[in-house]
Amino acid sequence: MSNARPAPEPRAAYAQFVSLGTRWMDNDIYGHLNNVVYYSLFDTAVNQYLIAQGALDIHGGEVIGLVVETHCNFFDSLAFPQQVEAGLRVAQRGRSSVRYEIGLFAPGQALCAARGHFVHVYVERESRRPVAALPDPYLKALEGLML
């Protein structure tokens, strides 16, 4: 385990970007996005990308992703009414799981305000058991997130 302090990353560290809006209710009493909102932005960015790529069908798809691990490091504040640019990449892909890494950027900023990851385990919607292999539409979508 490394003792190096986490540091913000540049935009070049990410393969794709998704633009997300913040909401009035996202700010906390201190005037910036509450920490739980960052996790919601991570989840929204990945799922928005997968839906746009035709991989994820949230209403009728046979395969869904369940989040089994999350992490976030904070470097700078974000606040409503900012747009947030979420950089995405795939760090690791297993038989039925994917580790997504996300950097959240304020518009025009070179370094991320926060970065983190979450792991999706892809399961059959009905049984909630891991899939034997990621379906082809997911594999194709994930190619766009590989550096």
N, C-alpha and C. Protein backbone atom coordinates (compact mmCIF):
# COMPACT_ATOMS: atom_id res chain seq x y z
N MET A 1 0.84 -1.18 0.00
CA MET A 1 0.00 0.00 0.00
C MET A 1 0.88 1.24 0.00
N SER A 2 0.57 2.15 -0.89
CA SER A 2 1.35 3.37 -1.02
C SER A 2 0.92 4.38 0.04
N ASN A 3 1.90 5.12 0.56
CA ASN A 3 1.61 6.19 1.50
C ASN A 3 1.53 7.55 0.82
N ALA A 4 1.63 7.54 -0.53
CA ALA A 4 1.56 8.79 -1.27
C ALA A 4 0.19 9.43 -1.10
N ARG A 5 0.21 10.73 -0.87
CA ARG A 5 -1.05 11.47 -0.73
C ARG A 5 -1.72 11.58 -2.10
N PRO A 6 -3.02 11.29 -2.17
CA PRO A 6 -3.72 11.44 -3.45
C PRO A 6 -3.61 12.87 -3.97
N ALA A 7 -3.56 12.99 -5.28
CA ALA A 7 -3.43 14.30 -5.91
C ALA A 7 -4.46 14.43 -7.03
N PRO A 8 -4.86 15.65 -7.34
CA PRO A 8 -5.78 15.83 -8.47
C PRO A 8 -5.10 15.46 -9.77
N GLU A 9 -5.91 15.00 -10.71
CA GLU A 9 -5.38 14.58 -12.01
C GLU A 9 -5.83 15.54 -13.11
N PRO A 10 -5.07 15.58 -14.21
CA PRO A 10 -5.45 16.43 -15.34
C PRO A 10 -6.51 15.75 -16.22
N ARG A 11 -7.10 16.52 -17.08
CA ARG A 11 -8.10 16.00 -18.01
C ARG A 11 -7.57 14.87 -18.88
N ALA A 12 -6.30 14.92 -19.23
CA ALA A 12 -5.71 13.90 -20.09
C ALA A 12 -5.71 12.51 -19.45
N ALA A 13 -5.97 12.43 -18.16
CA ALA A 13 -6.00 11.14 -17.47
C ALA A 13 -7.31 10.38 -17.73
N TYR A 14 -8.25 11.00 -18.45
CA TYR A 14 -9.56 10.39 -18.66
C TYR A 14 -9.86 10.23 -20.14
N ALA A 15 -10.59 9.17 -20.46
CA ALA A 15 -10.86 8.81 -21.85
C ALA A 15 -12.06 9.53 -22.45
N GLN A 16 -13.11 9.77 -21.66
CA GLN A 16 -14.33 10.39 -22.13
C GLN A 16 -14.83 11.37 -21.07
N PHE A 17 -15.66 12.31 -21.49
CA PHE A 17 -16.26 13.27 -20.56
C PHE A 17 -17.77 13.32 -20.73
N VAL A 18 -18.46 13.45 -19.61
CA VAL A 18 -19.91 13.59 -19.55
C VAL A 18 -20.19 14.89 -18.79
N SER A 19 -21.07 15.72 -19.32
CA SER A 19 -21.44 16.96 -18.66
C SER A 19 -22.66 16.72 -17.77
N LEU A 20 -22.58 17.22 -16.55
CA LEU A 20 -23.66 17.03 -15.57
C LEU A 20 -24.01 18.37 -14.94
N GLY A 21 -25.28 18.57 -14.69
CA GLY A 21 -25.72 19.77 -14.01
C GLY A 21 -25.81 19.55 -12.51
N THR A 22 -25.56 20.62 -11.76
CA THR A 22 -25.79 20.55 -10.32
C THR A 22 -27.17 21.13 -10.04
N ARG A 23 -27.66 20.87 -8.83
CA ARG A 23 -28.99 21.32 -8.45
C ARG A 23 -28.90 22.17 -7.18
N TRP A 24 -29.87 23.02 -6.98
CA TRP A 24 -29.94 23.87 -5.80
C TRP A 24 -29.77 23.04 -4.53
N MET A 25 -30.46 21.92 -4.46
CA MET A 25 -30.44 21.10 -3.25
C MET A 25 -29.11 20.38 -3.02
N ASP A 26 -28.20 20.40 -4.00
CA ASP A 26 -26.91 19.72 -3.86
C ASP A 26 -25.97 20.46 -2.91
N ASN A 27 -26.15 21.78 -2.77
CA ASN A 27 -25.29 22.56 -1.88
C ASN A 27 -25.63 22.26 -0.42
N ASP A 28 -24.61 22.29 0.41
CA ASP A 28 -24.86 22.12 1.84
C ASP A 28 -24.74 23.49 2.54
N ILE A 29 -24.82 23.49 3.83
CA ILE A 29 -24.81 24.73 4.62
C ILE A 29 -23.51 25.52 4.44
N TYR A 30 -22.44 24.84 4.00
CA TYR A 30 -21.15 25.51 3.80
C TYR A 30 -21.00 26.13 2.41
N GLY A 31 -22.04 25.98 1.56
CA GLY A 31 -22.04 26.63 0.27
C GLY A 31 -21.37 25.86 -0.85
N HIS A 32 -21.10 24.58 -0.63
CA HIS A 32 -20.55 23.76 -1.71
C HIS A 32 -21.31 22.43 -1.78
N LEU A 33 -21.03 21.65 -2.81
CA LEU A 33 -21.73 20.37 -2.94
C LEU A 33 -21.42 19.49 -1.74
N ASN A 34 -22.46 18.91 -1.19
CA ASN A 34 -22.29 17.98 -0.08
C ASN A 34 -21.54 16.75 -0.57
N ASN A 35 -20.76 16.13 0.31
CA ASN A 35 -19.92 15.00 -0.11
C ASN A 35 -20.71 13.86 -0.74
N VAL A 36 -21.93 13.60 -0.30
CA VAL A 36 -22.69 12.49 -0.89
C VAL A 36 -23.06 12.76 -2.34
N VAL A 37 -23.13 14.02 -2.74
CA VAL A 37 -23.48 14.38 -4.11
C VAL A 37 -22.39 13.91 -5.08
N TYR A 38 -21.15 13.91 -4.65
CA TYR A 38 -20.06 13.46 -5.51
C TYR A 38 -20.27 12.01 -5.94
N TYR A 39 -20.69 11.17 -5.02
CA TYR A 39 -20.96 9.77 -5.35
C TYR A 39 -22.13 9.65 -6.33
N SER A 40 -23.13 10.47 -6.16
CA SER A 40 -24.25 10.48 -7.08
C SER A 40 -23.79 10.91 -8.48
N LEU A 41 -22.92 11.90 -8.53
CA LEU A 41 -22.38 12.34 -9.83
C LEU A 41 -21.57 11.23 -10.49
N PHE A 42 -20.78 10.50 -9.71
CA PHE A 42 -20.03 9.36 -10.26
C PHE A 42 -20.99 8.37 -10.92
N ASP A 43 -22.01 7.96 -10.16
CA ASP A 43 -22.97 6.97 -10.63
C ASP A 43 -23.72 7.48 -11.86
N THR A 44 -24.14 8.73 -11.83
CA THR A 44 -24.87 9.32 -12.95
C THR A 44 -23.99 9.38 -14.19
N ALA A 45 -22.74 9.78 -14.06
CA ALA A 45 -21.85 9.91 -15.21
C ALA A 45 -21.65 8.56 -15.90
N VAL A 46 -21.37 7.53 -15.13
CA VAL A 46 -21.13 6.21 -15.72
C VAL A 46 -22.40 5.69 -16.39
N ASN A 47 -23.53 5.77 -15.69
CA ASN A 47 -24.76 5.24 -16.26
C ASN A 47 -25.23 6.06 -17.47
N GLN A 48 -25.05 7.37 -17.42
CA GLN A 48 -25.40 8.20 -18.58
C GLN A 48 -24.57 7.79 -19.79
N TYR A 49 -23.28 7.55 -19.57
CA TYR A 49 -22.41 7.10 -20.66
C TYR A 49 -22.87 5.75 -21.22
N LEU A 50 -23.14 4.79 -20.32
CA LEU A 50 -23.56 3.45 -20.76
C LEU A 50 -24.89 3.49 -21.51
N ILE A 51 -25.82 4.32 -21.06
CA ILE A 51 -27.11 4.45 -21.75
C ILE A 51 -26.88 5.05 -23.14
N ALA A 52 -26.08 6.11 -23.22
CA ALA A 52 -25.81 6.77 -24.51
C ALA A 52 -25.13 5.83 -25.50
N GLN A 53 -24.35 4.88 -24.99
CA GLN A 53 -23.64 3.93 -25.84
C GLN A 53 -24.51 2.73 -26.22
N GLY A 54 -25.72 2.66 -25.69
CA GLY A 54 -26.62 1.56 -26.01
C GLY A 54 -26.34 0.29 -25.23
N ALA A 55 -25.55 0.38 -24.17
CA ALA A 55 -25.23 -0.81 -23.37
C ALA A 55 -26.26 -1.04 -22.27
N LEU A 56 -26.65 0.00 -21.58
CA LEU A 56 -27.53 -0.12 -20.42
C LEU A 56 -28.97 0.25 -20.77
N ASP A 57 -29.87 -0.68 -20.52
CA ASP A 57 -31.31 -0.43 -20.65
C ASP A 57 -31.87 -0.53 -19.24
N ILE A 58 -32.12 0.64 -18.61
CA ILE A 58 -32.50 0.64 -17.20
C ILE A 58 -33.89 0.05 -16.95
N HIS A 59 -34.73 0.01 -17.97
CA HIS A 59 -36.08 -0.48 -17.77
C HIS A 59 -36.27 -1.94 -18.16
N GLY A 60 -35.59 -2.38 -19.22
CA GLY A 60 -35.86 -3.73 -19.71
C GLY A 60 -34.66 -4.62 -19.93
N GLY A 61 -33.46 -4.08 -19.67
CA GLY A 61 -32.27 -4.88 -19.92
C GLY A 61 -32.17 -6.07 -18.97
N GLU A 62 -31.61 -7.15 -19.46
CA GLU A 62 -31.45 -8.36 -18.65
C GLU A 62 -30.27 -8.24 -17.69
N VAL A 63 -29.36 -7.31 -17.96
CA VAL A 63 -28.16 -7.14 -17.14
C VAL A 63 -28.17 -5.75 -16.51
N ILE A 64 -27.88 -5.68 -15.22
CA ILE A 64 -27.77 -4.41 -14.51
C ILE A 64 -26.48 -4.40 -13.70
N GLY A 65 -26.00 -3.22 -13.37
CA GLY A 65 -24.78 -3.10 -12.56
C GLY A 65 -25.12 -2.72 -11.13
N LEU A 66 -24.55 -3.45 -10.19
CA LEU A 66 -24.71 -3.13 -8.77
C LEU A 66 -23.38 -2.59 -8.25
N VAL A 67 -23.41 -1.46 -7.55
CA VAL A 67 -22.21 -0.87 -6.99
C VAL A 67 -21.82 -1.63 -5.73
N VAL A 68 -20.58 -2.14 -5.69
CA VAL A 68 -20.12 -2.90 -4.53
C VAL A 68 -18.96 -2.23 -3.79
N GLU A 69 -18.41 -1.14 -4.38
CA GLU A 69 -17.29 -0.45 -3.73
C GLU A 69 -17.24 0.98 -4.26
N THR A 70 -16.98 1.93 -3.36
CA THR A 70 -16.83 3.33 -3.77
C THR A 70 -15.71 3.99 -2.98
N HIS A 71 -15.17 5.07 -3.56
CA HIS A 71 -14.13 5.85 -2.89
C HIS A 71 -14.07 7.22 -3.55
N CYS A 72 -13.71 8.24 -2.77
CA CYS A 72 -13.57 9.59 -3.31
C CYS A 72 -12.51 10.36 -2.54
N ASN A 73 -11.69 11.10 -3.27
CA ASN A 73 -10.76 12.08 -2.69
C ASN A 73 -11.20 13.46 -3.16
N PHE A 74 -11.21 14.42 -2.24
CA PHE A 74 -11.67 15.78 -2.53
C PHE A 74 -10.47 16.73 -2.54
N PHE A 75 -10.42 17.60 -3.55
CA PHE A 75 -9.30 18.53 -3.69
C PHE A 75 -9.74 19.99 -3.73
N ASP A 76 -10.93 20.25 -4.27
CA ASP A 76 -11.43 21.61 -4.41
C ASP A 76 -12.95 21.55 -4.38
N SER A 77 -13.58 22.65 -4.07
CA SER A 77 -15.04 22.68 -3.97
C SER A 77 -15.71 22.85 -5.32
N LEU A 78 -16.86 22.24 -5.44
CA LEU A 78 -17.79 22.46 -6.53
C LEU A 78 -19.09 22.94 -5.89
N ALA A 79 -19.89 23.72 -6.63
CA ALA A 79 -21.12 24.26 -6.05
C ALA A 79 -22.16 24.54 -7.13
N PHE A 80 -23.42 24.46 -6.74
CA PHE A 80 -24.50 24.92 -7.60
C PHE A 80 -24.32 26.42 -7.79
N PRO A 81 -24.47 26.94 -9.00
CA PRO A 81 -25.06 26.39 -10.20
C PRO A 81 -24.04 25.91 -11.25
N GLN A 82 -22.89 25.45 -10.83
CA GLN A 82 -21.88 24.98 -11.78
C GLN A 82 -22.34 23.75 -12.56
N GLN A 83 -21.89 23.69 -13.80
CA GLN A 83 -21.92 22.43 -14.53
C GLN A 83 -20.68 21.67 -14.06
N VAL A 84 -20.74 20.38 -14.11
CA VAL A 84 -19.60 19.54 -13.74
C VAL A 84 -19.26 18.67 -14.94
N GLU A 85 -17.99 18.59 -15.25
CA GLU A 85 -17.52 17.74 -16.33
C GLU A 85 -16.88 16.51 -15.70
N ALA A 86 -17.49 15.35 -15.92
CA ALA A 86 -17.01 14.11 -15.33
C ALA A 86 -16.15 13.35 -16.33
N GLY A 87 -14.87 13.21 -16.00
CA GLY A 87 -13.97 12.40 -16.80
C GLY A 87 -14.12 10.94 -16.39
N LEU A 88 -14.15 10.06 -17.39
CA LEU A 88 -14.35 8.63 -17.13
C LEU A 88 -13.23 7.80 -17.73
N ARG A 89 -12.91 6.72 -17.04
CA ARG A 89 -12.00 5.72 -17.59
C ARG A 89 -12.28 4.38 -16.89
N VAL A 90 -11.88 3.31 -17.55
CA VAL A 90 -11.96 1.99 -16.93
C VAL A 90 -10.55 1.63 -16.47
N ALA A 91 -10.43 1.31 -15.20
CA ALA A 91 -9.13 0.94 -14.64
C ALA A 91 -8.93 -0.57 -14.65
N GLN A 92 -10.03 -1.31 -14.51
CA GLN A 92 -9.92 -2.77 -14.45
C GLN A 92 -11.23 -3.37 -14.89
N ARG A 93 -11.13 -4.43 -15.68
CA ARG A 93 -12.32 -5.15 -16.12
C ARG A 93 -12.15 -6.62 -15.83
N GLY A 94 -13.11 -7.18 -15.13
CA GLY A 94 -13.11 -8.61 -14.84
C GLY A 94 -14.16 -9.32 -15.66
N ARG A 95 -14.44 -10.54 -15.30
CA ARG A 95 -15.46 -11.34 -16.00
C ARG A 95 -16.84 -10.70 -15.90
N SER A 96 -17.19 -10.24 -14.70
CA SER A 96 -18.51 -9.64 -14.49
C SER A 96 -18.43 -8.30 -13.76
N SER A 97 -17.24 -7.77 -13.60
CA SER A 97 -17.10 -6.52 -12.85
C SER A 97 -16.23 -5.52 -13.61
N VAL A 98 -16.45 -4.24 -13.27
CA VAL A 98 -15.68 -3.15 -13.87
C VAL A 98 -15.38 -2.13 -12.78
N ARG A 99 -14.11 -1.70 -12.73
CA ARG A 99 -13.75 -0.59 -11.85
C ARG A 99 -13.66 0.66 -12.72
N TYR A 100 -14.60 1.58 -12.48
CA TYR A 100 -14.62 2.87 -13.16
C TYR A 100 -13.90 3.88 -12.30
N GLU A 101 -13.11 4.74 -12.93
CA GLU A 101 -12.48 5.84 -12.23
C GLU A 101 -13.00 7.13 -12.84
N ILE A 102 -13.32 8.07 -11.96
CA ILE A 102 -14.01 9.29 -12.37
C ILE A 102 -13.30 10.50 -11.77
N GLY A 103 -13.12 11.53 -12.59
CA GLY A 103 -12.62 12.81 -12.11
C GLY A 103 -13.68 13.86 -12.37
N LEU A 104 -13.99 14.67 -11.36
CA LEU A 104 -14.99 15.72 -11.51
C LEU A 104 -14.29 17.06 -11.64
N PHE A 105 -14.58 17.76 -12.74
CA PHE A 105 -13.92 19.01 -13.08
C PHE A 105 -14.91 20.17 -13.12
N ALA A 106 -14.50 21.31 -12.59
CA ALA A 106 -15.23 22.54 -12.84
C ALA A 106 -14.92 22.96 -14.28
N PRO A 107 -15.86 23.59 -14.98
CA PRO A 107 -15.61 24.00 -16.36
C PRO A 107 -14.33 24.84 -16.48
N GLY A 108 -13.51 24.47 -17.44
CA GLY A 108 -12.29 25.22 -17.71
C GLY A 108 -11.11 24.92 -16.80
N GLN A 109 -11.32 24.12 -15.77
CA GLN A 109 -10.22 23.81 -14.85
C GLN A 109 -9.39 22.65 -15.38
N ALA A 110 -8.09 22.75 -15.23
CA ALA A 110 -7.17 21.74 -15.75
C ALA A 110 -7.09 20.51 -14.85
N LEU A 111 -7.28 20.69 -13.54
CA LEU A 111 -7.18 19.58 -12.60
C LEU A 111 -8.55 19.29 -11.98
N CYS A 112 -8.77 18.03 -11.65
CA CYS A 112 -10.07 17.65 -11.08
C CYS A 112 -10.23 18.18 -9.66
N ALA A 113 -11.47 18.50 -9.33
CA ALA A 113 -11.83 18.94 -7.98
C ALA A 113 -11.99 17.75 -7.06
N ALA A 114 -12.32 16.60 -7.64
CA ALA A 114 -12.45 15.35 -6.88
C ALA A 114 -12.19 14.21 -7.84
N ARG A 115 -11.70 13.11 -7.29
CA ARG A 115 -11.56 11.91 -8.11
C ARG A 115 -11.85 10.71 -7.24
N GLY A 116 -12.36 9.70 -7.89
CA GLY A 116 -12.70 8.51 -7.14
C GLY A 116 -12.96 7.35 -8.06
N HIS A 117 -13.52 6.31 -7.46
CA HIS A 117 -13.85 5.13 -8.26
C HIS A 117 -15.08 4.46 -7.68
N PHE A 118 -15.67 3.64 -8.50
CA PHE A 118 -16.62 2.66 -7.99
C PHE A 118 -16.57 1.43 -8.85
N VAL A 119 -16.94 0.32 -8.23
CA VAL A 119 -16.92 -0.98 -8.90
C VAL A 119 -18.36 -1.42 -9.09
N HIS A 120 -18.68 -1.72 -10.35
CA HIS A 120 -19.97 -2.33 -10.69
C HIS A 120 -19.74 -3.82 -10.84
N VAL A 121 -20.59 -4.62 -10.24
CA VAL A 121 -20.69 -6.04 -10.57
C VAL A 121 -21.95 -6.17 -11.41
N TYR A 122 -21.80 -6.71 -12.61
CA TYR A 122 -22.94 -6.86 -13.50
C TYR A 122 -23.62 -8.19 -13.23
N VAL A 123 -24.93 -8.08 -13.00
CA VAL A 123 -25.72 -9.25 -12.60
C VAL A 123 -26.94 -9.38 -13.51
N GLU A 124 -27.51 -10.58 -13.50
CA GLU A 124 -28.78 -10.80 -14.19
C GLU A 124 -29.87 -10.11 -13.38
N ARG A 125 -30.69 -9.34 -14.05
CA ARG A 125 -31.71 -8.54 -13.37
C ARG A 125 -32.58 -9.39 -12.45
N GLU A 126 -33.05 -10.53 -12.92
CA GLU A 126 -34.00 -11.34 -12.15
C GLU A 126 -33.33 -12.06 -10.97
N SER A 127 -32.21 -12.73 -11.22
CA SER A 127 -31.59 -13.56 -10.18
C SER A 127 -30.66 -12.78 -9.27
N ARG A 128 -30.18 -11.63 -9.74
CA ARG A 128 -29.16 -10.83 -9.04
C ARG A 128 -27.85 -11.61 -8.87
N ARG A 129 -27.61 -12.58 -9.73
CA ARG A 129 -26.37 -13.35 -9.73
C ARG A 129 -25.45 -12.77 -10.81
N PRO A 130 -24.13 -12.76 -10.57
CA PRO A 130 -23.20 -12.23 -11.57
C PRO A 130 -23.33 -12.93 -12.92
N VAL A 131 -23.20 -12.14 -13.98
CA VAL A 131 -23.25 -12.70 -15.33
C VAL A 131 -22.00 -13.54 -15.58
N ALA A 132 -22.13 -14.50 -16.49
CA ALA A 132 -20.98 -15.36 -16.84
C ALA A 132 -19.92 -14.54 -17.58
N ALA A 133 -20.36 -13.55 -18.34
CA ALA A 133 -19.46 -12.66 -19.07
C ALA A 133 -20.22 -11.38 -19.39
N LEU A 134 -19.51 -10.29 -19.49
CA LEU A 134 -20.14 -9.03 -19.86
C LEU A 134 -20.69 -9.13 -21.28
N PRO A 135 -21.93 -8.70 -21.50
CA PRO A 135 -22.51 -8.73 -22.85
C PRO A 135 -21.74 -7.83 -23.81
N ASP A 136 -21.82 -8.16 -25.09
CA ASP A 136 -21.09 -7.42 -26.12
C ASP A 136 -21.34 -5.91 -26.11
N PRO A 137 -22.58 -5.44 -25.93
CA PRO A 137 -22.77 -3.97 -25.91
C PRO A 137 -21.97 -3.30 -24.79
N TYR A 138 -21.82 -3.96 -23.65
CA TYR A 138 -21.01 -3.41 -22.56
C TYR A 138 -19.54 -3.39 -22.96
N LEU A 139 -19.07 -4.49 -23.54
CA LEU A 139 -17.66 -4.57 -23.95
C LEU A 139 -17.33 -3.46 -24.95
N LYS A 140 -18.24 -3.25 -25.89
CA LYS A 140 -18.02 -2.19 -26.89
C LYS A 140 -17.99 -0.82 -26.21
N ALA A 141 -18.93 -0.56 -25.30
CA ALA A 141 -18.96 0.72 -24.59
C ALA A 141 -17.70 0.91 -23.74
N LEU A 142 -17.23 -0.14 -23.11
CA LEU A 142 -16.05 -0.04 -22.24
C LEU A 142 -14.79 0.26 -23.03
N GLU A 143 -14.74 -0.17 -24.29
CA GLU A 143 -13.58 0.14 -25.14
C GLU A 143 -13.34 1.64 -25.22
N GLY A 144 -14.42 2.40 -25.23
CA GLY A 144 -14.32 3.86 -25.31
C GLY A 144 -13.80 4.50 -24.04
N LEU A 145 -13.71 3.73 -22.97
CA LEU A 145 -13.22 4.26 -21.68
C LEU A 145 -11.82 3.77 -21.33
N MET A 146 -11.22 3.03 -22.23
CA MET A 146 -9.87 2.52 -21.99
C MET A 146 -8.85 3.53 -22.50
N LEU A 147 -7.82 3.76 -21.71
CA LEU A 147 -6.76 4.67 -22.15
C LEU A 147 -5.67 3.88 -22.86
